[in-house]
Amino acid sequence: MSISNVTILTPSVLTLTGIPGLESVQSWIGIPFCAMYLTAVLGNSWLLSIIRSERSLREPMYLFLGMLAATDIALSTSVVPKMLGIFWFHASEIYFDACLLQMWLIHTFLCIESGILLAMAMDRYVAICSPLRHAAIFTQQLVTQIGVAVTLRAAILVAPCLVLIKCRLHLYHTTVISHSYCEHMAIVKLAAGNIRVNKVYGLFVAFTVAGCDLTIITLSYVQIFMAVFRLPQKEARLKAVHTCVPHICVFLQLYLLAFFSFFTHRFGGHIPPYIHILFSSIYLVVPPCLNPLVYGAKTKQIRIHVTKIFCS
């Protein structure tokens, strides 16, 4: 989009274009997004209800899974309804403050999800490498404290993005966001002033959260697999690996999609813009949709309770 010489003083309303270049088929694109959203909400709600109703699932791993399910519902709900409104009803306008709120929610929930995956990796590390101490270390009180700490970390790290936009960026070249949701850099690039500080802080948050969490998760699984391969019995090794498979699948799908979206956005100059936007939208919708399916299929205790529900 060409940038004109006219500047606008902090607009009250912004316009989301959806997926530029695919306007003629956006109504059809909305169908799979709606299906994935319904799957995410229903599947994660079902997981939450099973974990809440079954006292045998009050272990740290399932409590963290409940936190992940609640975060997935909140993340997809903060993105998809407005996206479907753009695709189906051409409801592209959004208040400036509402756009900032959506941006803060999206990035906060993504940071929370990464923190929960880190906590789940640490839980698996203690359960496999120090099984006799697991119950003493991962008490319900510690699980609650971890949940609060992960939420506060995300909220505090992302909040300055709002402050920097509100306090530093007052003049804008345009009110049209070439995106399907309010993303940090998509808003910042509308500004007519110096946006270097906003860019640097956005990268700082991304690398702090992803870099720290990814490093610790990777190191945890290195230690886990070293401990597993030292087990004398094959059945014990398989059982230990099997308890880690759902978390590894969820971890890989989140970070692989995140890195693919990040690198295509930063270095894929020859890739059409609608590919960037489409994949960044998929990155927010697909993991919440697949997480309950992965844990439902790969976790024996949850499978047993789901079978009981169907049988009854």
C-alpha atoms as a PDB file:
ATOM      1  CA  MET A   1       0.000   0.000   0.000  1.00  0.00           C
ATOM      2  CA  SER A   2       1.407   3.384  -0.980  1.00  0.00           C
ATOM      3  CA  ILE A   3       2.015   5.860   1.822  1.00  0.00           C
ATOM      4  CA  SER A   4       0.657   9.335   1.255  1.00  0.00           C
ATOM      5  CA  ASN A   5       2.011  12.626   2.634  1.00  0.00           C
ATOM      6  CA  VAL A   6      -1.161  13.139   4.653  1.00  0.00           C
ATOM      7  CA  THR A   7      -0.941  12.198   8.328  1.00  0.00           C
ATOM      8  CA  ILE A   8      -3.776  11.409  10.727  1.00  0.00           C
ATOM      9  CA  LEU A   9      -3.730  12.274  14.414  1.00  0.00           C
ATOM     10  CA  THR A  10      -4.385   9.061  16.445  1.00  0.00           C
ATOM     11  CA  PRO A  11      -7.414   7.698  14.551  1.00  0.00           C
ATOM     12  CA  SER A  12     -10.425   6.548  16.541  1.00  0.00           C
ATOM     13  CA  VAL A  13     -11.262   3.752  14.082  1.00  0.00           C
ATOM     14  CA  LEU A  14      -9.042   1.402  12.099  1.00  0.00           C
ATOM     15  CA  THR A  15      -9.938  -0.878   9.187  1.00  0.00           C
ATOM     16  CA  LEU A  16      -8.860  -4.507   8.922  1.00  0.00           C
ATOM     17  CA  THR A  17      -8.695  -5.721   5.316  1.00  0.00           C
ATOM     18  CA  GLY A  18      -8.719  -9.453   6.072  1.00  0.00           C
ATOM     19  CA  ILE A  19      -6.438 -11.229   3.593  1.00  0.00           C
ATOM     20  CA  PRO A  20      -5.397  -8.795   0.821  1.00  0.00           C
ATOM     21  CA  GLY A  21      -5.412 -10.494  -2.552  1.00  0.00           C
ATOM     22  CA  LEU A  22      -7.955 -13.131  -1.520  1.00  0.00           C
ATOM     23  CA  GLU A  23     -10.997 -10.894  -0.978  1.00  0.00           C
ATOM     24  CA  SER A  24     -13.053 -12.833  -3.535  1.00  0.00           C
ATOM     25  CA  VAL A  25     -12.667 -16.133  -1.661  1.00  0.00           C
ATOM     26  CA  GLN A  26     -12.601 -14.871   1.942  1.00  0.00           C
ATOM     27  CA  SER A  27     -16.136 -16.137   2.548  1.00  0.00           C
ATOM     28  CA  TRP A  28     -14.940 -19.652   1.671  1.00  0.00           C
ATOM     29  CA  ILE A  29     -11.766 -19.295   3.730  1.00  0.00           C
ATOM     30  CA  GLY A  30     -13.979 -18.476   6.708  1.00  0.00           C
ATOM     31  CA  ILE A  31     -15.555 -21.961   6.652  1.00  0.00           C
ATOM     32  CA  PRO A  32     -12.432 -23.948   7.718  1.00  0.00           C
ATOM     33  CA  PHE A  33     -11.511 -21.211  10.192  1.00  0.00           C
ATOM     34  CA  CYS A  34     -14.976 -21.458  11.732  1.00  0.00           C
ATOM     35  CA  ALA A  35     -14.710 -25.263  11.873  1.00  0.00           C
ATOM     36  CA  MET A  36     -11.299 -25.076  13.567  1.00  0.00           C
ATOM     37  CA  TYR A  37     -12.604 -22.494  16.042  1.00  0.00           C
ATOM     38  CA  LEU A  38     -15.597 -24.645  16.999  1.00  0.00           C
ATOM     39  CA  THR A  39     -13.302 -27.664  17.349  1.00  0.00           C
ATOM     40  CA  ALA A  40     -10.953 -25.652  19.569  1.00  0.00           C
ATOM     41  CA  VAL A  41     -13.716 -24.327  21.838  1.00  0.00           C
ATOM     42  CA  LEU A  42     -15.648 -27.592  22.129  1.00  0.00           C
ATOM     43  CA  GLY A  43     -12.564 -29.822  22.415  1.00  0.00           C
ATOM     44  CA  ASN A  44     -10.823 -27.701  25.021  1.00  0.00           C
ATOM     45  CA  SER A  45     -14.064 -27.181  26.962  1.00  0.00           C
ATOM     46  CA  TRP A  46     -14.508 -30.946  27.012  1.00  0.00           C
ATOM     47  CA  LEU A  47     -10.949 -31.400  28.266  1.00  0.00           C
ATOM     48  CA  LEU A  48     -11.580 -28.868  31.034  1.00  0.00           C
ATOM     49  CA  SER A  49     -14.812 -30.572  32.080  1.00  0.00           C
ATOM     50  CA  ILE A  50     -13.124 -34.011  32.207  1.00  0.00           C
ATOM     51  CA  ILE A  51     -10.177 -32.706  34.249  1.00  0.00           C
ATOM     52  CA  ARG A  52     -12.513 -30.888  36.613  1.00  0.00           C
ATOM     53  CA  SER A  53     -14.943 -33.769  37.139  1.00  0.00           C
ATOM     54  CA  GLU A  54     -12.429 -36.611  37.521  1.00  0.00           C
ATOM     55  CA  ARG A  55     -10.516 -36.489  40.803  1.00  0.00           C
ATOM     56  CA  SER A  56      -7.931 -38.928  39.434  1.00  0.00           C
ATOM     57  CA  LEU A  57      -6.845 -36.253  36.949  1.00  0.00           C
ATOM     58  CA  ARG A  58      -5.766 -33.730  39.616  1.00  0.00           C
ATOM     59  CA  GLU A  59      -2.109 -34.439  38.910  1.00  0.00           C
ATOM     60  CA  PRO A  60       0.192 -31.548  37.864  1.00  0.00           C
ATOM     61  CA  MET A  61       0.359 -32.709  34.233  1.00  0.00           C
ATOM     62  CA  TYR A  62      -3.434 -32.555  33.860  1.00  0.00           C
ATOM     63  CA  LEU A  63      -3.697 -29.277  35.783  1.00  0.00           C
ATOM     64  CA  PHE A  64      -1.220 -27.737  33.351  1.00  0.00           C
ATOM     65  CA  LEU A  65      -3.210 -29.276  30.515  1.00  0.00           C
ATOM     66  CA  GLY A  66      -6.327 -27.559  31.893  1.00  0.00           C
ATOM     67  CA  MET A  67      -4.465 -24.229  31.913  1.00  0.00           C
ATOM     68  CA  LEU A  68      -3.385 -24.843  28.323  1.00  0.00           C
ATOM     69  CA  ALA A  69      -6.966 -25.641  27.293  1.00  0.00           C
ATOM     70  CA  ALA A  70      -8.297 -22.451  28.922  1.00  0.00           C
ATOM     71  CA  THR A  71      -5.572 -20.402  27.208  1.00  0.00           C
ATOM     72  CA  ASP A  72      -6.396 -21.987  23.835  1.00  0.00           C
ATOM     73  CA  ILE A  73     -10.067 -21.064  24.213  1.00  0.00           C
ATOM     74  CA  ALA A  74      -9.188 -17.479  25.143  1.00  0.00           C
ATOM     75  CA  LEU A  75      -6.610 -17.133  22.337  1.00  0.00           C
ATOM     76  CA  SER A  76      -8.860 -18.413  19.564  1.00  0.00           C
ATOM     77  CA  THR A  77     -11.830 -16.387  20.871  1.00  0.00           C
ATOM     78  CA  SER A  78      -9.791 -13.178  20.820  1.00  0.00           C
ATOM     79  CA  VAL A  79      -9.004 -13.708  17.118  1.00  0.00           C
ATOM     80  CA  VAL A  80     -11.519 -15.786  15.180  1.00  0.00           C
ATOM     81  CA  PRO A  81     -14.930 -14.070  15.813  1.00  0.00           C
ATOM     82  CA  LYS A  82     -13.655 -10.728  14.487  1.00  0.00           C
ATOM     83  CA  MET A  83     -11.895 -12.519  11.634  1.00  0.00           C
ATOM     84  CA  LEU A  84     -15.132 -14.264  10.625  1.00  0.00           C
ATOM     85  CA  GLY A  85     -16.947 -10.933  10.850  1.00  0.00           C
ATOM     86  CA  ILE A  86     -14.505  -9.565   8.261  1.00  0.00           C
ATOM     87  CA  PHE A  87     -14.721 -12.636   6.007  1.00  0.00           C
ATOM     88  CA  TRP A  88     -18.496 -13.072   6.065  1.00  0.00           C
ATOM     89  CA  PHE A  89     -20.104  -9.758   6.989  1.00  0.00           C
ATOM     90  CA  HIS A  90     -17.457  -7.221   5.873  1.00  0.00           C
ATOM     91  CA  ALA A  91     -17.334  -5.874   9.445  1.00  0.00           C
ATOM     92  CA  SER A  92     -13.823  -4.568   8.941  1.00  0.00           C
ATOM     93  CA  GLU A  93     -13.872  -1.513  11.203  1.00  0.00           C
ATOM     94  CA  ILE A  94     -12.512  -1.698  14.737  1.00  0.00           C
ATOM     95  CA  TYR A  95     -11.996   0.999  17.344  1.00  0.00           C
ATOM     96  CA  PHE A  96      -8.357   1.959  17.866  1.00  0.00           C
ATOM     97  CA  ASP A  97      -8.406   1.066  21.571  1.00  0.00           C
ATOM     98  CA  ALA A  98     -10.229  -2.202  20.826  1.00  0.00           C
ATOM     99  CA  CYS A  99      -7.521  -3.020  18.277  1.00  0.00           C
ATOM    100  CA  LEU A 100      -4.817  -2.389  20.887  1.00  0.00           C
ATOM    101  CA  LEU A 101      -6.716  -4.589  23.343  1.00  0.00           C
ATOM    102  CA  GLN A 102      -6.923  -7.422  20.801  1.00  0.00           C
ATOM    103  CA  MET A 103      -3.197  -7.046  20.110  1.00  0.00           C
ATOM    104  CA  TRP A 104      -2.398  -7.228  23.823  1.00  0.00           C
ATOM    105  CA  LEU A 105      -4.647 -10.268  24.342  1.00  0.00           C
ATOM    106  CA  ILE A 106      -3.188 -12.180  21.397  1.00  0.00           C
ATOM    107  CA  HIS A 107       0.449 -11.656  22.372  1.00  0.00           C
ATOM    108  CA  THR A 108      -0.273 -12.203  26.071  1.00  0.00           C
ATOM    109  CA  PHE A 109      -2.042 -15.520  25.470  1.00  0.00           C
ATOM    110  CA  LEU A 110       0.763 -16.663  23.172  1.00  0.00           C
ATOM    111  CA  CYS A 111       3.311 -15.903  25.908  1.00  0.00           C
ATOM    112  CA  ILE A 112       1.137 -17.716  28.472  1.00  0.00           C
ATOM    113  CA  GLU A 113       0.892 -20.754  26.212  1.00  0.00           C
ATOM    114  CA  SER A 114       4.664 -20.843  25.811  1.00  0.00           C
ATOM    115  CA  GLY A 115       5.092 -20.565  29.592  1.00  0.00           C
ATOM    116  CA  ILE A 116       2.659 -23.417  30.231  1.00  0.00           C
ATOM    117  CA  LEU A 117       4.527 -25.641  27.766  1.00  0.00           C
ATOM    118  CA  LEU A 118       7.711 -24.797  29.675  1.00  0.00           C
ATOM    119  CA  ALA A 119       6.050 -25.770  32.973  1.00  0.00           C
ATOM    120  CA  MET A 120       4.826 -29.043  31.440  1.00  0.00           C
ATOM    121  CA  ALA A 121       8.357 -29.829  30.259  1.00  0.00           C
ATOM    122  CA  MET A 122       9.724 -29.221  33.755  1.00  0.00           C
ATOM    123  CA  ASP A 123       6.984 -31.459  35.181  1.00  0.00           C
ATOM    124  CA  ARG A 124       7.973 -34.269  32.820  1.00  0.00           C
ATOM    125  CA  TYR A 125      11.654 -33.719  33.656  1.00  0.00           C
ATOM    126  CA  VAL A 126      11.069 -34.129  37.408  1.00  0.00           C
ATOM    127  CA  ALA A 127       8.632 -37.035  36.908  1.00  0.00           C
ATOM    128  CA  ILE A 128      11.148 -39.028  34.863  1.00  0.00           C
ATOM    129  CA  CYS A 129      14.521 -37.929  36.244  1.00  0.00           C
ATOM    130  CA  SER A 130      13.472 -37.678  39.929  1.00  0.00           C
ATOM    131  CA  PRO A 131      10.246 -39.696  40.226  1.00  0.00           C
ATOM    132  CA  LEU A 132      10.464 -40.118  44.011  1.00  0.00           C
ATOM    133  CA  ARG A 133      10.578 -36.355  44.531  1.00  0.00           C
ATOM    134  CA  HIS A 134       7.902 -35.443  41.985  1.00  0.00           C
ATOM    135  CA  ALA A 135       4.955 -35.430  44.403  1.00  0.00           C
ATOM    136  CA  ALA A 136       6.901 -33.404  46.949  1.00  0.00           C
ATOM    137  CA  ILE A 137       8.067 -30.810  44.406  1.00  0.00           C
ATOM    138  CA  PHE A 138       5.004 -30.353  42.164  1.00  0.00           C
ATOM    139  CA  THR A 139       2.345 -29.721  44.785  1.00  0.00           C
ATOM    140  CA  GLN A 140      -0.967 -28.084  43.885  1.00  0.00           C
ATOM    141  CA  GLN A 141       0.285 -24.913  45.554  1.00  0.00           C
ATOM    142  CA  LEU A 142       3.345 -24.833  43.285  1.00  0.00           C
ATOM    143  CA  VAL A 143       1.196 -25.507  40.220  1.00  0.00           C
ATOM    144  CA  THR A 144      -1.025 -22.547  41.151  1.00  0.00           C
ATOM    145  CA  GLN A 145       1.998 -20.317  41.711  1.00  0.00           C
ATOM    146  CA  ILE A 146       3.437 -21.324  38.338  1.00  0.00           C
ATOM    147  CA  GLY A 147       0.135 -20.489  36.638  1.00  0.00           C
ATOM    148  CA  VAL A 148       0.066 -17.040  38.267  1.00  0.00           C
ATOM    149  CA  ALA A 149       3.745 -16.399  37.462  1.00  0.00           C
ATOM    150  CA  VAL A 150       3.324 -17.396  33.805  1.00  0.00           C
ATOM    151  CA  THR A 151       0.288 -15.107  33.448  1.00  0.00           C
ATOM    152  CA  LEU A 152       1.992 -12.151  35.141  1.00  0.00           C
ATOM    153  CA  ARG A 153       5.148 -12.603  33.067  1.00  0.00           C
ATOM    154  CA  ALA A 154       3.149 -12.476  29.840  1.00  0.00           C
ATOM    155  CA  ALA A 155       0.976  -9.516  30.866  1.00  0.00           C
ATOM    156  CA  ILE A 156       3.923  -7.450  32.142  1.00  0.00           C
ATOM    157  CA  LEU A 157       6.149  -8.146  29.123  1.00  0.00           C
ATOM    158  CA  VAL A 158       3.454  -7.308  26.547  1.00  0.00           C
ATOM    159  CA  ALA A 159       1.973  -4.260  28.337  1.00  0.00           C
ATOM    160  CA  PRO A 160       4.824  -1.876  27.310  1.00  0.00           C
ATOM    161  CA  CYS A 161       3.884  -2.506  23.668  1.00  0.00           C
ATOM    162  CA  LEU A 162       0.570  -0.758  24.393  1.00  0.00           C
ATOM    163  CA  VAL A 163       2.288   2.078  26.265  1.00  0.00           C
ATOM    164  CA  LEU A 164       4.849   2.654  23.509  1.00  0.00           C
ATOM    165  CA  ILE A 165       2.119   2.853  20.862  1.00  0.00           C
ATOM    166  CA  LYS A 166      -0.159   5.136  22.897  1.00  0.00           C
ATOM    167  CA  CYS A 167       2.605   7.457  24.136  1.00  0.00           C
ATOM    168  CA  ARG A 168       5.013   7.582  21.173  1.00  0.00           C
ATOM    169  CA  LEU A 169       2.928   7.135  18.025  1.00  0.00           C
ATOM    170  CA  HIS A 170       0.458   9.972  17.473  1.00  0.00           C
ATOM    171  CA  LEU A 171       0.617  10.481  13.701  1.00  0.00           C
ATOM    172  CA  TYR A 172      -0.396   7.779  11.219  1.00  0.00           C
ATOM    173  CA  HIS A 173      -0.080   7.524   7.442  1.00  0.00           C
ATOM    174  CA  THR A 174      -3.221   5.414   7.093  1.00  0.00           C
ATOM    175  CA  THR A 175      -5.954   3.732   9.119  1.00  0.00           C
ATOM    176  CA  VAL A 176      -6.035   0.587   6.987  1.00  0.00           C
ATOM    177  CA  ILE A 177      -4.355  -2.518   8.453  1.00  0.00           C
ATOM    178  CA  SER A 178      -3.476  -5.063   5.785  1.00  0.00           C
ATOM    179  CA  HIS A 179      -4.151  -7.961   8.101  1.00  0.00           C
ATOM    180  CA  SER A 180      -6.999 -10.092   9.452  1.00  0.00           C
ATOM    181  CA  TYR A 181      -6.343  -9.189  13.105  1.00  0.00           C
ATOM    182  CA  CYS A 182      -4.531  -6.514  15.135  1.00  0.00           C
ATOM    183  CA  GLU A 183      -0.910  -7.602  15.308  1.00  0.00           C
ATOM    184  CA  HIS A 184       1.817  -5.496  16.925  1.00  0.00           C
ATOM    185  CA  MET A 185       3.944  -4.747  13.875  1.00  0.00           C
ATOM    186  CA  ALA A 186       0.884  -4.356  11.643  1.00  0.00           C
ATOM    187  CA  ILE A 187      -0.232  -1.447  13.865  1.00  0.00           C
ATOM    188  CA  VAL A 188       3.242   0.026  14.336  1.00  0.00           C
ATOM    189  CA  LYS A 189       3.883   0.160  10.578  1.00  0.00           C
ATOM    190  CA  LEU A 190       0.904   2.513  10.163  1.00  0.00           C
ATOM    191  CA  ALA A 191       2.688   5.234  12.144  1.00  0.00           C
ATOM    192  CA  ALA A 192       4.390   8.209  10.526  1.00  0.00           C
ATOM    193  CA  GLY A 193       6.979   8.715  13.281  1.00  0.00           C
ATOM    194  CA  ASN A 194      10.105   6.843  14.319  1.00  0.00           C
ATOM    195  CA  ILE A 195       9.105   3.255  15.107  1.00  0.00           C
ATOM    196  CA  ARG A 196      12.551   1.823  15.874  1.00  0.00           C
ATOM    197  CA  VAL A 197      11.923   1.618  19.636  1.00  0.00           C
ATOM    198  CA  ASN A 198       8.638  -0.236  19.038  1.00  0.00           C
ATOM    199  CA  LYS A 199      10.335  -2.675  16.678  1.00  0.00           C
ATOM    200  CA  VAL A 200      13.229  -3.331  19.053  1.00  0.00           C
ATOM    201  CA  TYR A 201      10.963  -3.923  22.025  1.00  0.00           C
ATOM    202  CA  GLY A 202       8.703  -6.252  20.020  1.00  0.00           C
ATOM    203  CA  LEU A 203      11.742  -8.336  19.021  1.00  0.00           C
ATOM    204  CA  PHE A 204      13.002  -8.244  22.619  1.00  0.00           C
ATOM    205  CA  VAL A 205       9.721  -9.746  23.900  1.00  0.00           C
ATOM    206  CA  ALA A 206       9.653 -12.389  21.161  1.00  0.00           C
ATOM    207  CA  PHE A 207      13.237 -13.515  21.718  1.00  0.00           C
ATOM    208  CA  THR A 208      13.000 -13.298  25.512  1.00  0.00           C
ATOM    209  CA  VAL A 209       9.920 -15.521  25.714  1.00  0.00           C
ATOM    210  CA  ALA A 210      10.583 -17.896  22.816  1.00  0.00           C
ATOM    211  CA  GLY A 211      14.354 -18.019  23.318  1.00  0.00           C
ATOM    212  CA  CYS A 212      14.195 -18.648  27.065  1.00  0.00           C
ATOM    213  CA  ASP A 213      11.334 -21.151  26.946  1.00  0.00           C
ATOM    214  CA  LEU A 214      12.630 -23.001  23.904  1.00  0.00           C
ATOM    215  CA  THR A 215      16.115 -23.338  25.390  1.00  0.00           C
ATOM    216  CA  ILE A 216      14.885 -24.685  28.734  1.00  0.00           C
ATOM    217  CA  ILE A 217      12.389 -27.067  27.088  1.00  0.00           C
ATOM    218  CA  THR A 218      15.096 -28.407  24.771  1.00  0.00           C
ATOM    219  CA  LEU A 219      17.555 -28.905  27.629  1.00  0.00           C
ATOM    220  CA  SER A 220      14.845 -30.610  29.689  1.00  0.00           C
ATOM    221  CA  TYR A 221      14.144 -33.132  26.944  1.00  0.00           C
ATOM    222  CA  VAL A 222      17.847 -33.783  26.431  1.00  0.00           C
ATOM    223  CA  GLN A 223      18.059 -34.732  30.122  1.00  0.00           C
ATOM    224  CA  ILE A 224      14.788 -36.701  29.898  1.00  0.00           C
ATOM    225  CA  PHE A 225      15.937 -38.830  26.968  1.00  0.00           C
ATOM    226  CA  MET A 226      19.327 -39.412  28.545  1.00  0.00           C
ATOM    227  CA  ALA A 227      17.552 -40.667  31.683  1.00  0.00           C
ATOM    228  CA  VAL A 228      15.100 -42.764  29.644  1.00  0.00           C
ATOM    229  CA  PHE A 229      17.813 -44.534  27.652  1.00  0.00           C
ATOM    230  CA  ARG A 230      19.551 -45.454  30.891  1.00  0.00           C
ATOM    231  CA  LEU A 231      16.517 -47.407  32.090  1.00  0.00           C
ATOM    232  CA  PRO A 232      17.230 -51.153  32.045  1.00  0.00           C
ATOM    233  CA  GLN A 233      13.805 -52.371  30.885  1.00  0.00           C
ATOM    234  CA  LYS A 234      12.408 -51.706  27.418  1.00  0.00           C
ATOM    235  CA  GLU A 235       8.834 -51.460  28.754  1.00  0.00           C
ATOM    236  CA  ALA A 236       9.877 -48.753  31.225  1.00  0.00           C
ATOM    237  CA  ARG A 237      11.588 -46.790  28.447  1.00  0.00           C
ATOM    238  CA  LEU A 238       8.537 -46.995  26.207  1.00  0.00           C
ATOM    239  CA  LYS A 239       6.203 -45.954  29.030  1.00  0.00           C
ATOM    240  CA  ALA A 240       8.374 -42.947  29.903  1.00  0.00           C
ATOM    241  CA  VAL A 241       8.598 -41.825  26.273  1.00  0.00           C
ATOM    242  CA  HIS A 242       4.864 -42.329  25.792  1.00  0.00           C
ATOM    243  CA  THR A 243       4.053 -39.890  28.626  1.00  0.00           C
ATOM    244  CA  CYS A 244       6.099 -37.220  26.814  1.00  0.00           C
ATOM    245  CA  VAL A 245       4.702 -37.739  23.298  1.00  0.00           C
ATOM    246  CA  PRO A 246       1.603 -35.468  23.608  1.00  0.00           C
ATOM    247  CA  HIS A 247       3.648 -32.598  25.037  1.00  0.00           C
ATOM    248  CA  ILE A 248       6.309 -32.990  22.331  1.00  0.00           C
ATOM    249  CA  CYS A 249       3.639 -32.926  19.599  1.00  0.00           C
ATOM    250  CA  VAL A 250       1.992 -29.783  21.027  1.00  0.00           C
ATOM    251  CA  PHE A 251       5.381 -28.134  21.561  1.00  0.00           C
ATOM    252  CA  LEU A 252       6.538 -28.862  18.002  1.00  0.00           C
ATOM    253  CA  GLN A 253       3.338 -27.746  16.293  1.00  0.00           C
ATOM    254  CA  LEU A 254       3.325 -24.427  18.168  1.00  0.00           C
ATOM    255  CA  TYR A 255       6.987 -23.543  17.658  1.00  0.00           C
ATOM    256  CA  LEU A 256       7.309 -24.861  14.088  1.00  0.00           C
ATOM    257  CA  LEU A 257       4.313 -22.787  12.982  1.00  0.00           C
ATOM    258  CA  ALA A 258       5.635 -19.795  14.951  1.00  0.00           C
ATOM    259  CA  PHE A 259       9.110 -19.942  13.386  1.00  0.00           C
ATOM    260  CA  PHE A 260       7.703 -20.527   9.902  1.00  0.00           C
ATOM    261  CA  SER A 261       5.426 -17.499  10.273  1.00  0.00           C
ATOM    262  CA  PHE A 262       8.248 -15.374  11.750  1.00  0.00           C
ATOM    263  CA  PHE A 263      10.870 -16.168   9.110  1.00  0.00           C
ATOM    264  CA  THR A 264       8.517 -15.866   6.134  1.00  0.00           C
ATOM    265  CA  HIS A 265       7.411 -12.469   7.482  1.00  0.00           C
ATOM    266  CA  ARG A 266      10.987 -11.219   8.092  1.00  0.00           C
ATOM    267  CA  PHE A 267      12.892 -12.774   5.182  1.00  0.00           C
ATOM    268  CA  GLY A 268      10.280 -13.921   2.649  1.00  0.00           C
ATOM    269  CA  GLY A 269      10.240 -10.715   0.602  1.00  0.00           C
ATOM    270  CA  HIS A 270       9.410 -12.613  -2.598  1.00  0.00           C
ATOM    271  CA  ILE A 271       6.426 -14.396  -1.004  1.00  0.00           C
ATOM    272  CA  PRO A 272       3.015 -12.738  -1.682  1.00  0.00           C
ATOM    273  CA  PRO A 273       1.570 -10.835   1.325  1.00  0.00           C
ATOM    274  CA  TYR A 274      -1.535 -13.016   1.456  1.00  0.00           C
ATOM    275  CA  ILE A 275       0.687 -16.043   2.168  1.00  0.00           C
ATOM    276  CA  HIS A 276       2.201 -14.248   5.176  1.00  0.00           C
ATOM    277  CA  ILE A 277      -1.195 -13.242   6.542  1.00  0.00           C
ATOM    278  CA  LEU A 278      -2.799 -16.616   5.869  1.00  0.00           C
ATOM    279  CA  PHE A 279      -0.034 -18.510   7.685  1.00  0.00           C
ATOM    280  CA  SER A 280       0.048 -16.071  10.609  1.00  0.00           C
ATOM    281  CA  SER A 281      -3.724 -16.596  10.977  1.00  0.00           C
ATOM    282  CA  ILE A 282      -3.311 -20.383  10.785  1.00  0.00           C
ATOM    283  CA  TYR A 283      -0.595 -20.142  13.449  1.00  0.00           C
ATOM    284  CA  LEU A 284      -3.145 -18.699  15.894  1.00  0.00           C
ATOM    285  CA  VAL A 285      -6.003 -21.083  15.054  1.00  0.00           C
ATOM    286  CA  VAL A 286      -4.470 -24.501  14.355  1.00  0.00           C
ATOM    287  CA  PRO A 287      -2.698 -25.236  17.711  1.00  0.00           C
ATOM    288  CA  PRO A 288      -5.833 -24.565  19.844  1.00  0.00           C
ATOM    289  CA  CYS A 289      -7.747 -26.852  17.480  1.00  0.00           C
ATOM    290  CA  LEU A 290      -5.215 -29.709  17.504  1.00  0.00           C
ATOM    291  CA  ASN A 291      -4.151 -29.643  21.173  1.00  0.00           C
ATOM    292  CA  PRO A 292      -7.273 -31.373  22.585  1.00  0.00           C
ATOM    293  CA  LEU A 293      -7.166 -33.918  19.738  1.00  0.00           C
ATOM    294  CA  VAL A 294      -3.496 -34.716  20.442  1.00  0.00           C
ATOM    295  CA  TYR A 295      -3.997 -35.105  24.183  1.00  0.00           C
ATOM    296  CA  GLY A 296      -7.257 -36.978  23.722  1.00  0.00           C
ATOM    297  CA  ALA A 297      -5.626 -39.482  21.370  1.00  0.00           C
ATOM    298  CA  LYS A 298      -2.235 -39.834  23.096  1.00  0.00           C
ATOM    299  CA  THR A 299      -3.102 -39.710  26.805  1.00  0.00           C
ATOM    300  CA  LYS A 300      -4.416 -43.006  28.161  1.00  0.00           C
ATOM    301  CA  GLN A 301      -6.229 -41.583  31.211  1.00  0.00           C
ATOM    302  CA  ILE A 302      -8.149 -39.045  29.125  1.00  0.00           C
ATOM    303  CA  ARG A 303      -8.981 -41.717  26.529  1.00  0.00           C
ATOM    304  CA  ILE A 304     -10.396 -43.932  29.279  1.00  0.00           C
ATOM    305  CA  HIS A 305     -12.662 -41.164  30.616  1.00  0.00           C
ATOM    306  CA  VAL A 306     -13.805 -40.191  27.121  1.00  0.00           C
ATOM    307  CA  THR A 307     -14.682 -43.850  26.461  1.00  0.00           C
ATOM    308  CA  LYS A 308     -16.660 -43.976  29.721  1.00  0.00           C
ATOM    309  CA  ILE A 309     -18.629 -40.891  28.666  1.00  0.00           C
ATOM    310  CA  PHE A 310     -19.507 -42.408  25.283  1.00  0.00           C
ATOM    311  CA  CYS A 311     -20.402 -45.759  26.819  1.00  0.00           C
ATOM    312  CA  SER A 312     -22.653 -44.178  29.434  1.00  0.00           C
END
